C-alpha atoms as a PDB file:
ATOM      1  CA  MET A   1      -0.558  -3.215   5.163  1.00  0.00           C
ATOM      2  CA  ILE A   2      -0.128  -6.491   3.305  1.00  0.00           C
ATOM      3  CA  TYR A   3      -0.824  -8.548   6.413  1.00  0.00           C
ATOM      4  CA  GLY A   4      -3.084  -6.165   8.351  1.00  0.00           C
ATOM      5  CA  CYS A   5      -5.352  -5.334   5.406  1.00  0.00           C
ATOM      6  CA  GLY A   6      -5.043  -8.648   3.579  1.00  0.00           C
ATOM      7  CA  LEU A   7      -3.644  -7.015   0.449  1.00  0.00           C
ATOM      8  CA  ARG A   8      -1.953  -8.785  -2.418  1.00  0.00           C
ATOM      9  CA  LEU A   9       1.412  -7.474  -3.612  1.00  0.00           C
ATOM     10  CA  GLN A  10       0.096  -5.304  -6.459  1.00  0.00           C
ATOM     11  CA  GLU A  11      -2.792  -4.113  -4.301  1.00  0.00           C
ATOM     12  CA  CYS A  12      -0.298  -2.834  -1.754  1.00  0.00           C
ATOM     13  CA  LEU A  13       1.752  -0.993  -4.368  1.00  0.00           C
ATOM     14  CA  ARG A  14      -1.025   0.831  -6.196  1.00  0.00           C
ATOM     15  CA  PRO A  15      -3.108   2.681  -3.569  1.00  0.00           C
ATOM     16  CA  ARG A  16      -3.410   6.430  -3.900  1.00  0.00           C
ATOM     17  CA  VAL A  17      -3.572   8.867  -0.995  1.00  0.00           C
ATOM     18  CA  LYS A  18      -7.329   9.161  -1.550  1.00  0.00           C
ATOM     19  CA  ASP A  19      -7.774   5.387  -1.146  1.00  0.00           C
ATOM     20  CA  VAL A  20      -6.929   5.438   2.566  1.00  0.00           C
ATOM     21  CA  ASP A  21      -9.533   6.692   5.035  1.00  0.00           C
ATOM     22  CA  LEU A  22      -7.727   7.084   8.351  1.00  0.00           C
ATOM     23  CA  GLU A  23     -10.845   8.245  10.211  1.00  0.00           C
ATOM     24  CA  GLN A  24     -12.921   5.186   9.347  1.00  0.00           C
ATOM     25  CA  CYS A  25      -9.883   2.852   9.121  1.00  0.00           C
ATOM     26  CA  LEU A  26     -10.675   1.717   5.585  1.00  0.00           C
ATOM     27  CA  VAL A  27      -8.602   1.091   2.460  1.00  0.00           C
ATOM     28  CA  THR A  28     -10.181   1.056  -0.989  1.00  0.00           C
ATOM     29  CA  VAL A  29      -8.536  -1.368  -3.394  1.00  0.00           C
ATOM     30  CA  HIS A  30      -9.049  -0.630  -7.084  1.00  0.00           C
ATOM     31  CA  GLY A  31      -8.508  -3.250  -9.779  1.00  0.00           C
ATOM     32  CA  GLY A  32      -7.840  -6.122  -7.402  1.00  0.00           C
ATOM     33  CA  LYS A  33      -8.192  -9.805  -8.222  1.00  0.00           C
ATOM     34  CA  GLY A  34     -10.549 -10.174 -11.170  1.00  0.00           C
ATOM     35  CA  ASP A  35     -10.137  -6.430 -11.804  1.00  0.00           C
ATOM     36  CA  LYS A  36     -12.686  -5.724  -9.063  1.00  0.00           C
ATOM     37  CA  ASP A  37     -12.765  -2.943  -6.501  1.00  0.00           C
ATOM     38  CA  ARG A  38     -13.202  -3.656  -2.804  1.00  0.00           C
ATOM     39  CA  VAL A  39     -12.951  -1.987   0.578  1.00  0.00           C
ATOM     40  CA  THR A  40     -10.952  -3.573   3.386  1.00  0.00           C
ATOM     41  CA  ILE A  41     -10.293  -2.688   7.009  1.00  0.00           C
ATOM     42  CA  LEU A  42      -7.159  -0.790   8.014  1.00  0.00           C
ATOM     43  CA  PRO A  43      -5.883  -1.884  11.437  1.00  0.00           C
ATOM     44  CA  GLU A  44      -6.041   1.007  13.887  1.00  0.00           C
ATOM     45  CA  THR A  45      -2.458   0.262  14.912  1.00  0.00           C
ATOM     46  CA  LEU A  46      -1.294   1.385  11.448  1.00  0.00           C
ATOM     47  CA  VAL A  47      -2.978   4.807  11.593  1.00  0.00           C
ATOM     48  CA  PRO A  48      -0.158   6.703  13.407  1.00  0.00           C
ATOM     49  CA  THR A  49       2.480   5.184  11.123  1.00  0.00           C
ATOM     50  CA  LEU A  50       0.462   6.038   8.021  1.00  0.00           C
ATOM     51  CA  MET A  51      -0.059   9.606   9.268  1.00  0.00           C
ATOM     52  CA  GLU A  52       3.722  10.020   9.542  1.00  0.00           C
ATOM     53  CA  HIS A  53       4.161   8.408   6.133  1.00  0.00           C
ATOM     54  CA  LEU A  54       1.610  10.766   4.561  1.00  0.00           C
ATOM     55  CA  THR A  55       3.496  13.751   5.980  1.00  0.00           C
ATOM     56  CA  ALA A  56       6.739  12.454   4.459  1.00  0.00           C
ATOM     57  CA  ILE A  57       5.289  11.725   1.023  1.00  0.00           C
ATOM     58  CA  ARG A  58       3.493  15.088   0.998  1.00  0.00           C
ATOM     59  CA  LYS A  59       6.969  16.641   0.937  1.00  0.00           C
ATOM     60  CA  VAL A  60       7.871  14.455  -2.063  1.00  0.00           C
ATOM     61  CA  HIS A  61       4.654  15.509  -3.804  1.00  0.00           C
ATOM     62  CA  ASP A  62       5.338  19.192  -3.101  1.00  0.00           C
ATOM     63  CA  GLU A  63       8.931  18.880  -4.385  1.00  0.00           C
ATOM     64  CA  ASP A  64       7.658  17.244  -7.577  1.00  0.00           C
ATOM     65  CA  ARG A  65       5.203  20.100  -8.072  1.00  0.00           C
ATOM     66  CA  ALA A  66       7.924  22.701  -7.399  1.00  0.00           C
ATOM     67  CA  HIS A  67      10.175  21.073 -10.033  1.00  0.00           C
ATOM     68  CA  ASP A  68       7.346  20.752 -12.595  1.00  0.00           C
ATOM     69  CA  VAL A  69       7.525  16.951 -12.600  1.00  0.00           C
ATOM     70  CA  PRO A  70       4.485  15.606 -14.467  1.00  0.00           C
ATOM     71  CA  GLY A  71       1.871  14.088 -12.212  1.00  0.00           C
ATOM     72  CA  VAL A  72       1.406  10.403 -11.559  1.00  0.00           C
ATOM     73  CA  GLU A  73      -0.172   8.046 -14.064  1.00  0.00           C
ATOM     74  CA  LEU A  74      -3.955   7.945 -13.826  1.00  0.00           C
ATOM     75  CA  PRO A  75      -6.171   4.944 -14.480  1.00  0.00           C
ATOM     76  CA  GLN A  76      -7.797   4.516 -17.873  1.00  0.00           C
ATOM     77  CA  ALA A  77      -9.539   7.595 -19.301  1.00  0.00           C
ATOM     78  CA  LEU A  78      -9.297   9.783 -16.200  1.00  0.00           C
ATOM     79  CA  GLU A  79      -6.253  11.605 -17.556  1.00  0.00           C
ATOM     80  CA  ARG A  80      -8.312  12.865 -20.494  1.00  0.00           C
ATOM     81  CA  LYS A  81     -11.373  13.599 -18.374  1.00  0.00           C
ATOM     82  CA  TYR A  82      -9.458  15.387 -15.575  1.00  0.00           C
ATOM     83  CA  PRO A  83      -6.190  16.659 -17.120  1.00  0.00           C
ATOM     84  CA  ASN A  84      -4.909  18.274 -13.896  1.00  0.00           C
ATOM     85  CA  ALA A  85      -5.809  15.425 -11.539  1.00  0.00           C
ATOM     86  CA  SER A  86      -2.481  13.630 -12.009  1.00  0.00           C
ATOM     87  CA  ALA A  87      -0.709  16.466 -10.172  1.00  0.00           C
ATOM     88  CA  GLU A  88      -3.234  16.678  -7.327  1.00  0.00           C
ATOM     89  CA  TRP A  89      -2.421  15.354  -3.847  1.00  0.00           C
ATOM     90  CA  PRO A  90      -5.295  12.817  -3.559  1.00  0.00           C
ATOM     91  CA  TRP A  91      -4.087  11.001  -6.699  1.00  0.00           C
ATOM     92  CA  PHE A  92      -0.453  10.743  -5.525  1.00  0.00           C
ATOM     93  CA  TRP A  93       0.826   7.218  -4.850  1.00  0.00           C
ATOM     94  CA  LEU A  94       0.613   6.100  -1.228  1.00  0.00           C
ATOM     95  CA  PHE A  95       3.968   4.368  -1.756  1.00  0.00           C
ATOM     96  CA  PRO A  96       5.847   6.445  -4.356  1.00  0.00           C
ATOM     97  CA  ALA A  97       9.175   5.367  -5.792  1.00  0.00           C
ATOM     98  CA  LYS A  98      12.224   7.260  -4.548  1.00  0.00           C
ATOM     99  CA  LYS A  99      13.342   8.133  -8.052  1.00  0.00           C
ATOM    100  CA  LEU A 100      11.609   9.323 -11.178  1.00  0.00           C
ATOM    101  CA  SER A 101      11.331   6.854 -14.041  1.00  0.00           C
ATOM    102  CA  VAL A 102      10.204   6.761 -17.654  1.00  0.00           C
ATOM    103  CA  ASP A 103       6.599   5.710 -18.106  1.00  0.00           C
ATOM    104  CA  PRO A 104       6.810   2.935 -20.751  1.00  0.00           C
ATOM    105  CA  ARG A 105       3.429   3.833 -22.275  1.00  0.00           C
ATOM    106  CA  SER A 106       3.710   7.601 -22.572  1.00  0.00           C
ATOM    107  CA  HIS A 107       7.535   7.918 -22.409  1.00  0.00           C
ATOM    108  CA  THR A 108       7.013  10.661 -19.808  1.00  0.00           C
ATOM    109  CA  VAL A 109       9.468  10.998 -16.930  1.00  0.00           C
ATOM    110  CA  ARG A 110       7.325  10.869 -13.799  1.00  0.00           C
ATOM    111  CA  ARG A 111       7.117   9.297 -10.365  1.00  0.00           C
ATOM    112  CA  HIS A 112       5.746   5.776 -10.332  1.00  0.00           C
ATOM    113  CA  HIS A 113       4.759   3.658  -7.340  1.00  0.00           C
ATOM    114  CA  VAL A 114       7.308   1.443  -5.587  1.00  0.00           C
ATOM    115  CA  PHE A 115       8.334  -1.455  -7.809  1.00  0.00           C
ATOM    116  CA  PRO A 116       7.337  -5.034  -6.888  1.00  0.00           C
ATOM    117  CA  ASP A 117      10.954  -6.208  -6.571  1.00  0.00           C
ATOM    118  CA  ASN A 118      11.617  -3.534  -3.946  1.00  0.00           C
ATOM    119  CA  LEU A 119       8.601  -4.640  -1.920  1.00  0.00           C
ATOM    120  CA  ARG A 120       9.712  -8.273  -2.138  1.00  0.00           C
ATOM    121  CA  ARG A 121      13.150  -7.241  -0.881  1.00  0.00           C
ATOM    122  CA  TRP A 122      11.589  -5.365   2.070  1.00  0.00           C
ATOM    123  CA  VAL A 123       9.405  -8.364   2.943  1.00  0.00           C
ATOM    124  CA  LYS A 124      12.502 -10.572   2.963  1.00  0.00           C
ATOM    125  CA  LYS A 125      14.358  -8.126   5.232  1.00  0.00           C
ATOM    126  CA  ALA A 126      11.357  -7.891   7.568  1.00  0.00           C
ATOM    127  CA  ALA A 127      11.165 -11.686   7.786  1.00  0.00           C
ATOM    128  CA  ALA A 128      14.860 -11.820   8.670  1.00  0.00           C
ATOM    129  CA  ALA A 129      14.472  -9.025  11.233  1.00  0.00           C
ATOM    130  CA  ALA A 130      11.504 -10.828  12.797  1.00  0.00           C
ATOM    131  CA  ALA A 131      13.760 -13.861  13.268  1.00  0.00           C
ATOM    132  CA  LEU A 132      11.366 -16.314  11.683  1.00  0.00           C
ATOM    133  CA  GLY A 133      13.884 -19.052  12.368  1.00  0.00           C
ATOM    134  CA  SER A 134      14.267 -21.597   9.601  1.00  0.00           C
ATOM    135  CA  VAL A 135      12.196 -19.577   7.143  1.00  0.00           C
ATOM    136  CA  THR A 136      14.640 -18.712   4.384  1.00  0.00           C
ATOM    137  CA  ARG A 137      12.106 -17.577   1.824  1.00  0.00           C
ATOM    138  CA  ILE A 138       8.738 -15.987   2.370  1.00  0.00           C
ATOM    139  CA  ALA A 139       6.349 -14.955  -0.364  1.00  0.00           C
ATOM    140  CA  SER A 140       4.231 -11.843   0.039  1.00  0.00           C
ATOM    141  CA  PHE A 141       1.087 -13.901  -0.587  1.00  0.00           C
ATOM    142  CA  ALA A 142       1.849 -15.775   2.637  1.00  0.00           C
ATOM    143  CA  PHE A 143       0.472 -12.754   4.455  1.00  0.00           C
ATOM    144  CA  VAL A 144      -2.875 -13.134   2.684  1.00  0.00           C
ATOM    145  CA  GLN A 145      -3.160 -16.914   2.410  1.00  0.00           C
ATOM    146  CA  PRO A 146      -4.287 -18.916   5.457  1.00  0.00           C
ATOM    147  CA  SER A 147      -1.239 -21.182   5.071  1.00  0.00           C
ATOM    148  CA  GLY A 148       1.026 -18.237   5.912  1.00  0.00           C
ATOM    149  CA  LYS A 149      -0.856 -17.437   9.099  1.00  0.00           C
ATOM    150  CA  PRO A 150       0.973 -19.939  11.370  1.00  0.00           C
ATOM    151  CA  VAL A 151       4.377 -18.726  10.151  1.00  0.00           C
ATOM    152  CA  LEU A 152       3.551 -15.132  10.921  1.00  0.00           C
ATOM    153  CA  GLU A 153       1.852 -15.859  14.221  1.00  0.00           C
ATOM    154  CA  ALA A 154       4.803 -17.975  15.353  1.00  0.00           C
ATOM    155  CA  SER A 155       6.944 -14.852  15.279  1.00  0.00           C
ATOM    156  CA  SER A 156       4.396 -12.770  17.185  1.00  0.00           C
ATOM    157  CA  SER A 157       3.643 -12.701  20.876  1.00  0.00           C
ATOM    158  CA  LYS A 158       0.075 -11.550  20.138  1.00  0.00           C
ATOM    159  CA  PRO A 159      -2.785 -14.064  19.969  1.00  0.00           C
ATOM    160  CA  PRO A 160      -4.010 -15.169  16.529  1.00  0.00           C
ATOM    161  CA  LEU A 161      -6.286 -12.738  14.709  1.00  0.00           C
ATOM    162  CA  ALA A 162      -9.249 -15.086  15.023  1.00  0.00           C
ATOM    163  CA  ASN A 163      -8.989 -14.922  18.826  1.00  0.00           C
ATOM    164  CA  ARG A 164      -8.932 -11.132  19.018  1.00  0.00           C
ATOM    165  CA  ALA A 165     -12.153  -9.231  19.570  1.00  0.00           C
ATOM    166  CA  PRO A 166     -13.032  -6.789  16.796  1.00  0.00           C
ATOM    167  CA  SER A 167     -13.207  -3.125  17.740  1.00  0.00           C
ATOM    168  CA  ALA A 168     -16.594  -1.523  18.316  1.00  0.00           C
ATOM    169  CA  ARG A 169     -16.083   0.758  15.330  1.00  0.00           C
ATOM    170  CA  ARG A 170     -15.566  -2.109  12.910  1.00  0.00           C
ATOM    171  CA  SER A 171     -18.407  -4.253  14.213  1.00  0.00           C
ATOM    172  CA  SER A 172     -20.930  -1.478  13.582  1.00  0.00           C
ATOM    173  CA  GLN A 173     -20.085  -1.286   9.864  1.00  0.00           C
END
């Protein structure tokens, strides 16, 4: 999602289930750069993988509810306005952490999203698995920045994104 949707590290960690529209292939990013919201395109190739992922994390959500784990942290004043929303499926993290942790603000034990260090570790493993040759260190922003484009395209047999025709669905939006 970092590369396909052009997300920054924190933007990839914080989406909720409700922020992904698999039918229209859109991802809503809340509180991005400059604390602004935006909508970006979700590559159609990610839809089947995300559907499987949603099925897997639904089980995690259901287990949390069965064990009376407090819901996820909600943005700003929404927790006061909608007290039960934190336990509802649409507000669950798209990428939840495997383990529960203590929320530093409320001191509540709850499930947080995946931590940035874990994502950095996964990016490093993916770069190694993709055999990017002499690349020993890759920053997650390389997926978003134009300077990272040649590195990523060098490891891919597909033509550069600029040379690919957009789908009919996306061009009509």
